[in-house]
């Protein structure tokens, strides 16, 4: 009996130890490094869907429109965009330009960028009808707000988030649109927009008219008007100089002259300190040490690389996080340090 009692006691103690270890590891996957409260590191921001490419259509010179079909798709509002996971694994963001009430399909359009990073070329050359694509979202950082009147200034493919806004405005709402492009043939949805807006639409084709005269065209903008702009960086900079309150949608992440120097990043959980060079990113430095760190778009749009900040001051360059989220986290693919050192929950 004493031997049996000893066996039972030892087995019971071993079971308690295993339970305690399992609980400790679940509380901190990098055990024995202590867990920190509420880590947000690397969480995807939305579930992925697999949608069928039901149609692929050229809607202007160099512009392809995709209609992606599914069932009971999440609803969206004008200004929203999707993350498309392309066949190569690249992730790119495209504004929704279809009907928000249609829960069976999403419509996006993309222009071929010859000197881009490869995403638009892959859409144009490899995405075909009948394929399935992974989609994340929709998300909206460019919503249509309530206002007494509206002014929209867009360049080229920048029309895509604005088109659903124009369709959604109640009849009788004062609005006008300045729509610029290299040529009329390169401007998607031009016929629909001219029919929709009539004399409220000013089309400026660069090969015919040169660059738009923003001062002349917008001189009589009413006080209180909601001003929207989506287009290349030069157009956005010009609009920011004239309308500090302008609501913006950029093609690429915002850059700044501040915070471009080298700085240190401490990874508190891992016990490592890294140097981020002036010509590189926090993400690149972190992945050199922790290659399994989650990331996706590398442009500050998708949120996959969001990390919790424990110490330091950040220059946020993303187009995704809310002010509340920026108080204690950053997207390490684009944002940088204002201070000499950052400490992250990694």
C-alpha atoms as a PDB file:
ATOM      1  CA  UNK A   1       0.000   0.000   0.000  1.00  0.00           C
ATOM      2  CA  UNK A   2       2.779   2.563   0.802  1.00  0.00           C
ATOM      3  CA  UNK A   3       4.237   2.040  -2.701  1.00  0.00           C
ATOM      4  CA  UNK A   4       0.838   2.503  -4.346  1.00  0.00           C
ATOM      5  CA  UNK A   5       0.231   5.636  -2.281  1.00  0.00           C
ATOM      6  CA  UNK A   6       3.616   7.012  -3.394  1.00  0.00           C
ATOM      7  CA  UNK A   7       2.809   6.306  -7.074  1.00  0.00           C
ATOM      8  CA  UNK A   8      -0.550   8.069  -6.774  1.00  0.00           C
ATOM      9  CA  UNK A   9       1.005  11.114  -5.092  1.00  0.00           C
ATOM     10  CA  UNK A  10       3.771  11.376  -7.706  1.00  0.00           C
ATOM     11  CA  UNK A  11       1.300  10.995 -10.602  1.00  0.00           C
ATOM     12  CA  UNK A  12      -0.987  13.625  -9.119  1.00  0.00           C
ATOM     13  CA  UNK A  13       1.881  16.061  -8.641  1.00  0.00           C
ATOM     14  CA  UNK A  14       3.046  15.496 -12.232  1.00  0.00           C
ATOM     15  CA  UNK A  15      -0.465  16.194 -13.538  1.00  0.00           C
ATOM     16  CA  UNK A  16      -0.627  19.453 -11.565  1.00  0.00           C
ATOM     17  CA  UNK A  17       2.760  20.523 -12.933  1.00  0.00           C
ATOM     18  CA  UNK A  18       1.674  19.781 -16.524  1.00  0.00           C
ATOM     19  CA  UNK A  19      -1.489  21.832 -16.040  1.00  0.00           C
ATOM     20  CA  UNK A  20       0.468  24.717 -14.569  1.00  0.00           C
ATOM     21  CA  UNK A  21       2.979  24.628 -17.414  1.00  0.00           C
ATOM     22  CA  UNK A  22       0.215  24.517 -20.044  1.00  0.00           C
ATOM     23  CA  UNK A  23      -1.506  27.503 -18.447  1.00  0.00           C
ATOM     24  CA  UNK A  24       1.777  29.440 -18.254  1.00  0.00           C
ATOM     25  CA  UNK A  25       2.623  28.768 -21.901  1.00  0.00           C
ATOM     26  CA  UNK A  26      -0.850  29.782 -23.039  1.00  0.00           C
ATOM     27  CA  UNK A  27      -0.498  33.012 -21.077  1.00  0.00           C
ATOM     28  CA  UNK A  28       2.831  33.770 -22.747  1.00  0.00           C
ATOM     29  CA  UNK A  29       3.738  31.916 -25.988  1.00  0.00           C
ATOM     30  CA  UNK A  30       7.357  33.003 -25.542  1.00  0.00           C
ATOM     31  CA  UNK A  31       7.543  31.542 -21.991  1.00  0.00           C
ATOM     32  CA  UNK A  32       9.591  31.960 -19.797  1.00  0.00           C
ATOM     33  CA  UNK A  33       9.675  35.618 -20.952  1.00  0.00           C
ATOM     34  CA  UNK A  34       6.826  37.245 -18.965  1.00  0.00           C
ATOM     35  CA  UNK A  35       3.572  37.987 -20.753  1.00  0.00           C
ATOM     36  CA  UNK A  36       2.570  41.633 -21.086  1.00  0.00           C
ATOM     37  CA  UNK A  37      -1.019  42.822 -20.742  1.00  0.00           C
ATOM     38  CA  UNK A  38      -3.212  42.671 -23.845  1.00  0.00           C
ATOM     39  CA  UNK A  39      -0.613  42.239 -26.632  1.00  0.00           C
ATOM     40  CA  UNK A  40      -1.912  43.233 -30.063  1.00  0.00           C
ATOM     41  CA  UNK A  41       1.113  42.124 -32.020  1.00  0.00           C
ATOM     42  CA  UNK A  42       0.461  40.820 -35.507  1.00  0.00           C
ATOM     43  CA  UNK A  43      -3.308  40.378 -35.309  1.00  0.00           C
ATOM     44  CA  UNK A  44      -5.092  40.259 -38.678  1.00  0.00           C
ATOM     45  CA  UNK A  45      -7.818  42.914 -38.724  1.00  0.00           C
ATOM     46  CA  UNK A  46     -10.532  41.071 -40.614  1.00  0.00           C
ATOM     47  CA  UNK A  47     -11.431  37.578 -41.727  1.00  0.00           C
ATOM     48  CA  UNK A  48     -10.543  36.459 -45.223  1.00  0.00           C
ATOM     49  CA  UNK A  49     -13.061  35.487 -47.899  1.00  0.00           C
ATOM     50  CA  UNK A  50     -12.490  33.481 -51.072  1.00  0.00           C
ATOM     51  CA  UNK A  51     -14.386  35.044 -53.958  1.00  0.00           C
ATOM     52  CA  UNK A  52     -14.806  34.063 -57.591  1.00  0.00           C
ATOM     53  CA  UNK A  53     -13.594  36.423 -60.307  1.00  0.00           C
ATOM     54  CA  UNK A  54     -16.914  36.461 -62.164  1.00  0.00           C
ATOM     55  CA  UNK A  55     -15.913  39.054 -64.751  1.00  0.00           C
ATOM     56  CA  UNK A  56     -12.861  40.967 -65.884  1.00  0.00           C
ATOM     57  CA  UNK A  57     -13.402  44.022 -68.095  1.00  0.00           C
ATOM     58  CA  UNK A  58     -11.252  46.825 -69.507  1.00  0.00           C
ATOM     59  CA  UNK A  59     -13.096  50.027 -68.596  1.00  0.00           C
ATOM     60  CA  UNK A  60     -10.501  52.592 -69.788  1.00  0.00           C
ATOM     61  CA  UNK A  61      -7.009  52.622 -71.275  1.00  0.00           C
ATOM     62  CA  UNK A  62      -4.855  50.732 -68.789  1.00  0.00           C
ATOM     63  CA  UNK A  63      -7.722  50.130 -66.321  1.00  0.00           C
ATOM     64  CA  UNK A  64      -9.202  46.698 -65.536  1.00  0.00           C
ATOM     65  CA  UNK A  65     -12.386  46.168 -63.528  1.00  0.00           C
ATOM     66  CA  UNK A  66     -12.989  42.957 -61.562  1.00  0.00           C
ATOM     67  CA  UNK A  67     -16.326  41.719 -60.257  1.00  0.00           C
ATOM     68  CA  UNK A  68     -15.830  39.281 -57.385  1.00  0.00           C
ATOM     69  CA  UNK A  69     -18.777  37.051 -56.471  1.00  0.00           C
ATOM     70  CA  UNK A  70     -19.678  35.432 -53.160  1.00  0.00           C
ATOM     71  CA  UNK A  71     -22.654  34.918 -50.850  1.00  0.00           C
ATOM     72  CA  UNK A  72     -23.902  37.116 -48.001  1.00  0.00           C
ATOM     73  CA  UNK A  73     -20.884  39.391 -48.292  1.00  0.00           C
ATOM     74  CA  UNK A  74     -20.220  41.987 -45.571  1.00  0.00           C
ATOM     75  CA  UNK A  75     -21.898  45.294 -46.327  1.00  0.00           C
ATOM     76  CA  UNK A  76     -19.870  48.404 -47.040  1.00  0.00           C
ATOM     77  CA  UNK A  77     -20.333  52.150 -47.401  1.00  0.00           C
ATOM     78  CA  UNK A  78     -18.970  54.531 -50.067  1.00  0.00           C
ATOM     79  CA  UNK A  79     -15.246  55.126 -49.629  1.00  0.00           C
ATOM     80  CA  UNK A  80     -14.462  51.585 -48.460  1.00  0.00           C
ATOM     81  CA  UNK A  81     -11.706  49.400 -49.880  1.00  0.00           C
ATOM     82  CA  UNK A  82     -10.697  45.730 -50.003  1.00  0.00           C
ATOM     83  CA  UNK A  83      -7.403  43.918 -49.556  1.00  0.00           C
ATOM     84  CA  UNK A  84      -6.855  41.565 -52.482  1.00  0.00           C
ATOM     85  CA  UNK A  85      -4.421  38.691 -51.983  1.00  0.00           C
ATOM     86  CA  UNK A  86      -3.023  38.101 -55.459  1.00  0.00           C
ATOM     87  CA  UNK A  87      -1.905  34.686 -56.779  1.00  0.00           C
ATOM     88  CA  UNK A  88       1.739  35.422 -55.892  1.00  0.00           C
ATOM     89  CA  UNK A  89       0.819  36.304 -52.303  1.00  0.00           C
ATOM     90  CA  UNK A  90       1.139  40.061 -52.828  1.00  0.00           C
ATOM     91  CA  UNK A  91      -1.552  42.061 -51.015  1.00  0.00           C
ATOM     92  CA  UNK A  92      -2.912  45.228 -52.596  1.00  0.00           C
ATOM     93  CA  UNK A  93      -5.718  47.605 -51.649  1.00  0.00           C
ATOM     94  CA  UNK A  94      -8.457  48.627 -54.101  1.00  0.00           C
ATOM     95  CA  UNK A  95     -11.441  50.905 -53.555  1.00  0.00           C
ATOM     96  CA  UNK A  96     -14.891  49.435 -53.987  1.00  0.00           C
ATOM     97  CA  UNK A  97     -16.708  51.083 -56.877  1.00  0.00           C
ATOM     98  CA  UNK A  98     -19.854  48.967 -57.236  1.00  0.00           C
ATOM     99  CA  UNK A  99     -23.213  48.971 -55.449  1.00  0.00           C
ATOM    100  CA  UNK A 100     -23.060  48.919 -51.611  1.00  0.00           C
ATOM    101  CA  UNK A 101     -26.463  47.219 -51.515  1.00  0.00           C
ATOM    102  CA  UNK A 102     -25.204  44.226 -53.519  1.00  0.00           C
ATOM    103  CA  UNK A 103     -24.242  41.511 -51.016  1.00  0.00           C
ATOM    104  CA  UNK A 104     -23.433  38.981 -53.750  1.00  0.00           C
ATOM    105  CA  UNK A 105     -20.462  40.728 -55.362  1.00  0.00           C
ATOM    106  CA  UNK A 106     -17.736  43.340 -54.936  1.00  0.00           C
ATOM    107  CA  UNK A 107     -16.404  45.487 -57.787  1.00  0.00           C
ATOM    108  CA  UNK A 108     -12.917  47.003 -57.909  1.00  0.00           C
ATOM    109  CA  UNK A 109     -10.781  48.574 -60.626  1.00  0.00           C
ATOM    110  CA  UNK A 110      -7.036  48.964 -60.974  1.00  0.00           C
ATOM    111  CA  UNK A 111      -4.760  50.902 -63.295  1.00  0.00           C
ATOM    112  CA  UNK A 112      -1.585  49.313 -64.645  1.00  0.00           C
ATOM    113  CA  UNK A 113       1.404  51.084 -63.079  1.00  0.00           C
ATOM    114  CA  UNK A 114       4.395  50.401 -65.311  1.00  0.00           C
ATOM    115  CA  UNK A 115       7.019  51.367 -62.725  1.00  0.00           C
ATOM    116  CA  UNK A 116       5.063  50.106 -59.685  1.00  0.00           C
ATOM    117  CA  UNK A 117       5.825  47.270 -57.270  1.00  0.00           C
ATOM    118  CA  UNK A 118       4.184  44.551 -59.352  1.00  0.00           C
ATOM    119  CA  UNK A 119       0.673  44.282 -57.936  1.00  0.00           C
ATOM    120  CA  UNK A 120      -1.180  46.078 -60.718  1.00  0.00           C
ATOM    121  CA  UNK A 121       0.767  44.189 -63.381  1.00  0.00           C
ATOM    122  CA  UNK A 122      -0.187  40.909 -61.741  1.00  0.00           C
ATOM    123  CA  UNK A 123      -3.869  41.893 -61.779  1.00  0.00           C
ATOM    124  CA  UNK A 124      -3.677  42.865 -65.437  1.00  0.00           C
ATOM    125  CA  UNK A 125      -1.646  39.887 -66.619  1.00  0.00           C
ATOM    126  CA  UNK A 126      -2.513  36.975 -64.330  1.00  0.00           C
ATOM    127  CA  UNK A 127      -5.967  37.474 -62.804  1.00  0.00           C
ATOM    128  CA  UNK A 128      -8.622  35.961 -65.067  1.00  0.00           C
ATOM    129  CA  UNK A 129     -12.310  35.072 -64.981  1.00  0.00           C
ATOM    130  CA  UNK A 130     -12.975  31.835 -63.134  1.00  0.00           C
ATOM    131  CA  UNK A 131     -10.125  32.247 -60.651  1.00  0.00           C
ATOM    132  CA  UNK A 132     -10.652  32.539 -56.920  1.00  0.00           C
ATOM    133  CA  UNK A 133      -9.004  35.324 -54.925  1.00  0.00           C
ATOM    134  CA  UNK A 134      -8.669  35.787 -51.195  1.00  0.00           C
ATOM    135  CA  UNK A 135     -10.211  39.062 -50.049  1.00  0.00           C
ATOM    136  CA  UNK A 136     -10.050  40.855 -46.695  1.00  0.00           C
ATOM    137  CA  UNK A 137     -12.296  43.663 -45.569  1.00  0.00           C
ATOM    138  CA  UNK A 138     -14.075  45.804 -46.502  1.00  0.00           C
ATOM    139  CA  UNK A 139     -12.730  48.699 -44.406  1.00  0.00           C
ATOM    140  CA  UNK A 140     -13.401  52.406 -44.668  1.00  0.00           C
ATOM    141  CA  UNK A 141     -10.950  55.195 -43.858  1.00  0.00           C
ATOM    142  CA  UNK A 142     -12.547  57.579 -46.385  1.00  0.00           C
ATOM    143  CA  UNK A 143     -16.221  57.786 -45.367  1.00  0.00           C
ATOM    144  CA  UNK A 144     -18.853  60.078 -46.805  1.00  0.00           C
ATOM    145  CA  UNK A 145     -19.776  62.527 -44.046  1.00  0.00           C
ATOM    146  CA  UNK A 146     -22.923  64.609 -43.659  1.00  0.00           C
ATOM    147  CA  UNK A 147     -22.411  68.113 -45.036  1.00  0.00           C
ATOM    148  CA  UNK A 148     -24.475  70.907 -46.648  1.00  0.00           C
ATOM    149  CA  UNK A 149     -22.483  70.557 -49.897  1.00  0.00           C
ATOM    150  CA  UNK A 150     -19.576  68.628 -51.387  1.00  0.00           C
ATOM    151  CA  UNK A 151     -16.531  69.186 -53.568  1.00  0.00           C
ATOM    152  CA  UNK A 152     -14.666  66.205 -55.053  1.00  0.00           C
ATOM    153  CA  UNK A 153     -11.276  66.515 -56.766  1.00  0.00           C
ATOM    154  CA  UNK A 154      -9.867  63.308 -58.228  1.00  0.00           C
ATOM    155  CA  UNK A 155      -7.119  62.200 -60.548  1.00  0.00           C
ATOM    156  CA  UNK A 156      -7.382  59.138 -62.775  1.00  0.00           C
ATOM    157  CA  UNK A 157      -8.108  55.921 -60.873  1.00  0.00           C
ATOM    158  CA  UNK A 158      -8.851  58.103 -57.838  1.00  0.00           C
ATOM    159  CA  UNK A 159     -12.418  58.197 -59.114  1.00  0.00           C
ATOM    160  CA  UNK A 160     -13.094  54.683 -57.766  1.00  0.00           C
ATOM    161  CA  UNK A 161     -13.918  55.545 -54.116  1.00  0.00           C
ATOM    162  CA  UNK A 162     -15.752  58.729 -55.158  1.00  0.00           C
ATOM    163  CA  UNK A 163     -18.120  57.168 -57.702  1.00  0.00           C
ATOM    164  CA  UNK A 164     -20.216  55.341 -55.048  1.00  0.00           C
ATOM    165  CA  UNK A 165     -20.337  58.602 -53.064  1.00  0.00           C
ATOM    166  CA  UNK A 166     -21.817  60.460 -56.012  1.00  0.00           C
ATOM    167  CA  UNK A 167     -24.425  57.747 -56.500  1.00  0.00           C
ATOM    168  CA  UNK A 168     -25.314  57.835 -52.782  1.00  0.00           C
ATOM    169  CA  UNK A 169     -25.851  61.593 -52.402  1.00  0.00           C
ATOM    170  CA  UNK A 170     -29.542  62.433 -51.961  1.00  0.00           C
ATOM    171  CA  UNK A 171     -31.212  64.266 -54.818  1.00  0.00           C
ATOM    172  CA  UNK A 172     -30.923  68.009 -54.464  1.00  0.00           C
ATOM    173  CA  UNK A 173     -27.626  67.871 -52.549  1.00  0.00           C
ATOM    174  CA  UNK A 174     -25.208  70.491 -53.938  1.00  0.00           C
ATOM    175  CA  UNK A 175     -22.007  68.862 -55.184  1.00  0.00           C
ATOM    176  CA  UNK A 176     -19.411  69.223 -57.899  1.00  0.00           C
ATOM    177  CA  UNK A 177     -16.540  67.177 -59.197  1.00  0.00           C
ATOM    178  CA  UNK A 178     -13.226  68.068 -60.805  1.00  0.00           C
ATOM    179  CA  UNK A 179     -12.028  64.927 -62.602  1.00  0.00           C
ATOM    180  CA  UNK A 180      -8.539  64.993 -64.104  1.00  0.00           C
ATOM    181  CA  UNK A 181      -6.623  62.473 -66.180  1.00  0.00           C
ATOM    182  CA  UNK A 182      -3.945  62.126 -68.830  1.00  0.00           C
ATOM    183  CA  UNK A 183      -6.506  61.596 -71.603  1.00  0.00           C
ATOM    184  CA  UNK A 184     -10.267  61.159 -71.707  1.00  0.00           C
ATOM    185  CA  UNK A 185      -9.751  57.576 -72.865  1.00  0.00           C
ATOM    186  CA  UNK A 186      -7.712  56.821 -69.734  1.00  0.00           C
ATOM    187  CA  UNK A 187     -10.431  58.037 -67.331  1.00  0.00           C
ATOM    188  CA  UNK A 188     -12.649  55.178 -66.087  1.00  0.00           C
ATOM    189  CA  UNK A 189     -16.411  55.593 -65.674  1.00  0.00           C
ATOM    190  CA  UNK A 190     -16.298  58.948 -67.465  1.00  0.00           C
ATOM    191  CA  UNK A 191     -19.518  58.464 -69.442  1.00  0.00           C
ATOM    192  CA  UNK A 192     -21.501  57.464 -66.331  1.00  0.00           C
ATOM    193  CA  UNK A 193     -20.126  60.375 -64.330  1.00  0.00           C
ATOM    194  CA  UNK A 194     -20.928  62.973 -66.977  1.00  0.00           C
ATOM    195  CA  UNK A 195     -24.450  61.574 -67.244  1.00  0.00           C
ATOM    196  CA  UNK A 196     -24.819  61.524 -63.461  1.00  0.00           C
ATOM    197  CA  UNK A 197     -23.500  65.030 -62.791  1.00  0.00           C
ATOM    198  CA  UNK A 198     -24.084  67.076 -65.926  1.00  0.00           C
ATOM    199  CA  UNK A 199     -22.668  70.571 -65.508  1.00  0.00           C
ATOM    200  CA  UNK A 200     -21.585  69.764 -61.941  1.00  0.00           C
ATOM    201  CA  UNK A 201     -18.693  67.775 -63.445  1.00  0.00           C
ATOM    202  CA  UNK A 202     -15.553  69.447 -64.822  1.00  0.00           C
ATOM    203  CA  UNK A 203     -13.375  67.067 -66.841  1.00  0.00           C
ATOM    204  CA  UNK A 204      -9.747  68.106 -67.305  1.00  0.00           C
ATOM    205  CA  UNK A 205      -7.834  65.913 -69.776  1.00  0.00           C
ATOM    206  CA  UNK A 206      -4.162  66.829 -69.570  1.00  0.00           C
ATOM    207  CA  UNK A 207      -3.475  66.233 -73.270  1.00  0.00           C
ATOM    208  CA  UNK A 208      -6.227  68.740 -74.150  1.00  0.00           C
ATOM    209  CA  UNK A 209      -6.372  71.189 -71.229  1.00  0.00           C
ATOM    210  CA  UNK A 210      -3.139  70.851 -69.265  1.00  0.00           C
ATOM    211  CA  UNK A 211      -3.277  70.595 -65.477  1.00  0.00           C
ATOM    212  CA  UNK A 212      -6.454  71.689 -63.668  1.00  0.00           C
ATOM    213  CA  UNK A 213      -6.607  75.297 -62.485  1.00  0.00           C
ATOM    214  CA  UNK A 214      -7.557  74.501 -58.891  1.00  0.00           C
ATOM    215  CA  UNK A 215      -7.607  78.137 -57.786  1.00  0.00           C
ATOM    216  CA  UNK A 216     -10.029  79.095 -60.528  1.00  0.00           C
ATOM    217  CA  UNK A 217     -12.182  75.978 -60.348  1.00  0.00           C
ATOM    218  CA  UNK A 218     -12.534  75.992 -56.563  1.00  0.00           C
ATOM    219  CA  UNK A 219     -12.545  79.731 -55.839  1.00  0.00           C
ATOM    220  CA  UNK A 220     -16.222  79.784 -54.898  1.00  0.00           C
ATOM    221  CA  UNK A 221     -16.232  76.693 -52.654  1.00  0.00           C
ATOM    222  CA  UNK A 222     -18.956  77.257 -50.065  1.00  0.00           C
ATOM    223  CA  UNK A 223     -18.085  77.528 -46.398  1.00  0.00           C
ATOM    224  CA  UNK A 224     -18.831  74.242 -44.646  1.00  0.00           C
ATOM    225  CA  UNK A 225     -18.502  72.146 -47.794  1.00  0.00           C
ATOM    226  CA  UNK A 226     -16.973  68.700 -47.364  1.00  0.00           C
ATOM    227  CA  UNK A 227     -13.916  68.590 -49.642  1.00  0.00           C
ATOM    228  CA  UNK A 228     -12.620  65.205 -50.849  1.00  0.00           C
ATOM    229  CA  UNK A 229      -9.508  64.376 -52.841  1.00  0.00           C
ATOM    230  CA  UNK A 230      -8.117  61.112 -54.172  1.00  0.00           C
ATOM    231  CA  UNK A 231      -5.262  60.958 -56.639  1.00  0.00           C
ATOM    232  CA  UNK A 232      -1.505  61.210 -57.100  1.00  0.00           C
ATOM    233  CA  UNK A 233       0.657  62.882 -54.478  1.00  0.00           C
ATOM    234  CA  UNK A 234       1.065  66.123 -56.439  1.00  0.00           C
ATOM    235  CA  UNK A 235      -2.696  66.650 -56.575  1.00  0.00           C
ATOM    236  CA  UNK A 236      -3.097  65.803 -52.898  1.00  0.00           C
ATOM    237  CA  UNK A 237      -0.333  68.231 -51.887  1.00  0.00           C
ATOM    238  CA  UNK A 238      -1.967  70.992 -53.934  1.00  0.00           C
ATOM    239  CA  UNK A 239      -5.333  70.351 -52.283  1.00  0.00           C
ATOM    240  CA  UNK A 240      -3.841  70.215 -48.777  1.00  0.00           C
ATOM    241  CA  UNK A 241      -2.237  73.620 -49.385  1.00  0.00           C
ATOM    242  CA  UNK A 242      -5.610  75.120 -50.355  1.00  0.00           C
ATOM    243  CA  UNK A 243      -7.960  73.220 -48.021  1.00  0.00           C
ATOM    244  CA  UNK A 244      -6.381  72.122 -44.722  1.00  0.00           C
ATOM    245  CA  UNK A 245      -9.603  70.277 -43.848  1.00  0.00           C
ATOM    246  CA  UNK A 246      -9.607  68.193 -47.049  1.00  0.00           C
ATOM    247  CA  UNK A 247     -10.442  64.490 -46.661  1.00  0.00           C
ATOM    248  CA  UNK A 248      -7.850  62.389 -48.447  1.00  0.00           C
ATOM    249  CA  UNK A 249      -7.349  58.949 -49.942  1.00  0.00           C
ATOM    250  CA  UNK A 250      -3.771  58.317 -51.083  1.00  0.00           C
ATOM    251  CA  UNK A 251      -2.454  55.820 -53.617  1.00  0.00           C
ATOM    252  CA  UNK A 252       0.713  55.333 -51.552  1.00  0.00           C
ATOM    253  CA  UNK A 253       1.639  55.836 -47.873  1.00  0.00           C
ATOM    254  CA  UNK A 254       2.178  59.380 -46.646  1.00  0.00           C
ATOM    255  CA  UNK A 255       5.832  60.325 -46.282  1.00  0.00           C
ATOM    256  CA  UNK A 256       7.379  62.993 -44.126  1.00  0.00           C
ATOM    257  CA  UNK A 257      10.700  64.738 -43.754  1.00  0.00           C
ATOM    258  CA  UNK A 258      10.551  64.032 -40.002  1.00  0.00           C
ATOM    259  CA  UNK A 259      11.743  60.804 -38.443  1.00  0.00           C
ATOM    260  CA  UNK A 260      13.879  59.582 -41.343  1.00  0.00           C
ATOM    261  CA  UNK A 261      17.049  59.028 -39.300  1.00  0.00           C
ATOM    262  CA  UNK A 262      18.288  55.784 -37.778  1.00  0.00           C
ATOM    263  CA  UNK A 263      16.948  54.714 -34.376  1.00  0.00           C
ATOM    264  CA  UNK A 264      16.910  51.759 -31.996  1.00  0.00           C
ATOM    265  CA  UNK A 265      14.067  49.332 -31.337  1.00  0.00           C
ATOM    266  CA  UNK A 266      13.990  47.133 -28.260  1.00  0.00           C
ATOM    267  CA  UNK A 267      11.896  43.959 -28.537  1.00  0.00           C
ATOM    268  CA  UNK A 268      10.946  43.584 -24.885  1.00  0.00           C
ATOM    269  CA  UNK A 269       9.606  40.028 -24.998  1.00  0.00           C
ATOM    270  CA  UNK A 270      12.549  38.718 -27.021  1.00  0.00           C
ATOM    271  CA  UNK A 271      15.215  40.635 -25.137  1.00  0.00           C
ATOM    272  CA  UNK A 272      16.774  42.023 -28.321  1.00  0.00           C
ATOM    273  CA  UNK A 273      17.715  45.536 -29.392  1.00  0.00           C
ATOM    274  CA  UNK A 274      17.880  46.395 -33.112  1.00  0.00           C
ATOM    275  CA  UNK A 275      19.055  49.351 -35.167  1.00  0.00           C
ATOM    276  CA  UNK A 276      16.698  50.578 -37.887  1.00  0.00           C
ATOM    277  CA  UNK A 277      18.730  52.370 -40.600  1.00  0.00           C
ATOM    278  CA  UNK A 278      17.494  55.582 -42.172  1.00  0.00           C
ATOM    279  CA  UNK A 279      16.847  53.826 -45.483  1.00  0.00           C
ATOM    280  CA  UNK A 280      15.009  50.796 -44.052  1.00  0.00           C
ATOM    281  CA  UNK A 281      11.919  49.976 -41.981  1.00  0.00           C
ATOM    282  CA  UNK A 282      11.148  48.634 -38.529  1.00  0.00           C
ATOM    283  CA  UNK A 283       9.548  45.621 -40.222  1.00  0.00           C
ATOM    284  CA  UNK A 284      12.716  44.766 -42.157  1.00  0.00           C
ATOM    285  CA  UNK A 285      14.876  45.063 -39.041  1.00  0.00           C
ATOM    286  CA  UNK A 286      12.492  42.962 -36.961  1.00  0.00           C
ATOM    287  CA  UNK A 287      12.129  40.235 -39.587  1.00  0.00           C
ATOM    288  CA  UNK A 288      15.909  39.888 -39.785  1.00  0.00           C
ATOM    289  CA  UNK A 289      15.725  38.725 -36.140  1.00  0.00           C
ATOM    290  CA  UNK A 290      12.187  37.286 -36.014  1.00  0.00           C
ATOM    291  CA  UNK A 291      11.483  35.983 -39.545  1.00  0.00           C
ATOM    292  CA  UNK A 292       7.988  34.720 -38.658  1.00  0.00           C
ATOM    293  CA  UNK A 293       6.711  38.206 -37.841  1.00  0.00           C
ATOM    294  CA  UNK A 294       3.359  38.681 -39.590  1.00  0.00           C
ATOM    295  CA  UNK A 295       3.127  41.267 -42.381  1.00  0.00           C
ATOM    296  CA  UNK A 296       1.334  41.703 -45.676  1.00  0.00           C
ATOM    297  CA  UNK A 297       0.875  44.916 -47.686  1.00  0.00           C
ATOM    298  CA  UNK A 298       4.031  46.812 -46.534  1.00  0.00           C
ATOM    299  CA  UNK A 299       2.188  50.087 -47.235  1.00  0.00           C
ATOM    300  CA  UNK A 300       0.406  50.798 -43.974  1.00  0.00           C
ATOM    301  CA  UNK A 301      -3.042  49.762 -45.199  1.00  0.00           C
ATOM    302  CA  UNK A 302      -3.828  46.211 -44.077  1.00  0.00           C
ATOM    303  CA  UNK A 303      -2.877  46.243 -40.369  1.00  0.00           C
ATOM    304  CA  UNK A 304      -1.277  42.782 -40.255  1.00  0.00           C
ATOM    305  CA  UNK A 305       1.999  44.096 -38.813  1.00  0.00           C
ATOM    306  CA  UNK A 306       0.386  46.137 -36.011  1.00  0.00           C
ATOM    307  CA  UNK A 307       2.539  46.049 -32.879  1.00  0.00           C
ATOM    308  CA  UNK A 308       2.051  47.383 -29.376  1.00  0.00           C
ATOM    309  CA  UNK A 309       4.280  50.303 -28.274  1.00  0.00           C
ATOM    310  CA  UNK A 310       5.604  50.197 -24.719  1.00  0.00           C
ATOM    311  CA  UNK A 311       7.919  53.230 -24.842  1.00  0.00           C
ATOM    312  CA  UNK A 312       8.922  55.935 -27.310  1.00  0.00           C
ATOM    313  CA  UNK A 313       7.304  58.439 -29.657  1.00  0.00           C
ATOM    314  CA  UNK A 314       6.086  57.346 -33.102  1.00  0.00           C
ATOM    315  CA  UNK A 315       5.625  59.179 -36.384  1.00  0.00           C
ATOM    316  CA  UNK A 316       2.571  57.378 -37.752  1.00  0.00           C
ATOM    317  CA  UNK A 317       2.573  57.067 -41.535  1.00  0.00           C
ATOM    318  CA  UNK A 318      -0.187  54.515 -41.981  1.00  0.00           C
ATOM    319  CA  UNK A 319      -3.629  55.032 -43.497  1.00  0.00           C
ATOM    320  CA  UNK A 320      -5.439  52.627 -41.183  1.00  0.00           C
ATOM    321  CA  UNK A 321      -5.150  53.053 -37.418  1.00  0.00           C
ATOM    322  CA  UNK A 322      -7.555  55.190 -35.455  1.00  0.00           C
ATOM    323  CA  UNK A 323      -6.332  57.878 -33.065  1.00  0.00           C
ATOM    324  CA  UNK A 324      -7.123  55.552 -30.158  1.00  0.00           C
ATOM    325  CA  UNK A 325      -5.091  52.729 -31.712  1.00  0.00           C
ATOM    326  CA  UNK A 326      -2.189  55.056 -32.436  1.00  0.00           C
ATOM    327  CA  UNK A 327      -1.956  55.903 -28.747  1.00  0.00           C
ATOM    328  CA  UNK A 328      -0.389  52.518 -28.004  1.00  0.00           C
ATOM    329  CA  UNK A 329       0.386  50.750 -31.292  1.00  0.00           C
ATOM    330  CA  UNK A 330       1.965  51.234 -34.709  1.00  0.00           C
ATOM    331  CA  UNK A 331       2.241  49.594 -38.123  1.00  0.00           C
ATOM    332  CA  UNK A 332       5.899  48.712 -38.338  1.00  0.00           C
ATOM    333  CA  UNK A 333       5.966  48.482 -42.143  1.00  0.00           C
ATOM    334  CA  UNK A 334       5.771  52.277 -42.624  1.00  0.00           C
ATOM    335  CA  UNK A 335       5.766  54.146 -39.302  1.00  0.00           C
ATOM    336  CA  UNK A 336       8.993  55.276 -37.679  1.00  0.00           C
ATOM    337  CA  UNK A 337      10.345  56.731 -34.438  1.00  0.00           C
ATOM    338  CA  UNK A 338      10.344  60.409 -33.543  1.00  0.00           C
ATOM    339  CA  UNK A 339      12.437  59.522 -30.507  1.00  0.00           C
ATOM    340  CA  UNK A 340      15.842  57.850 -30.534  1.00  0.00           C
ATOM    341  CA  UNK A 341      14.416  54.600 -29.227  1.00  0.00           C
ATOM    342  CA  UNK A 342      11.202  52.568 -29.348  1.00  0.00           C
ATOM    343  CA  UNK A 343      10.238  49.618 -27.164  1.00  0.00           C
ATOM    344  CA  UNK A 344       7.775  47.143 -28.676  1.00  0.00           C
ATOM    345  CA  UNK A 345       5.774  44.264 -27.193  1.00  0.00           C
ATOM    346  CA  UNK A 346       7.530  41.570 -29.197  1.00  0.00           C
END
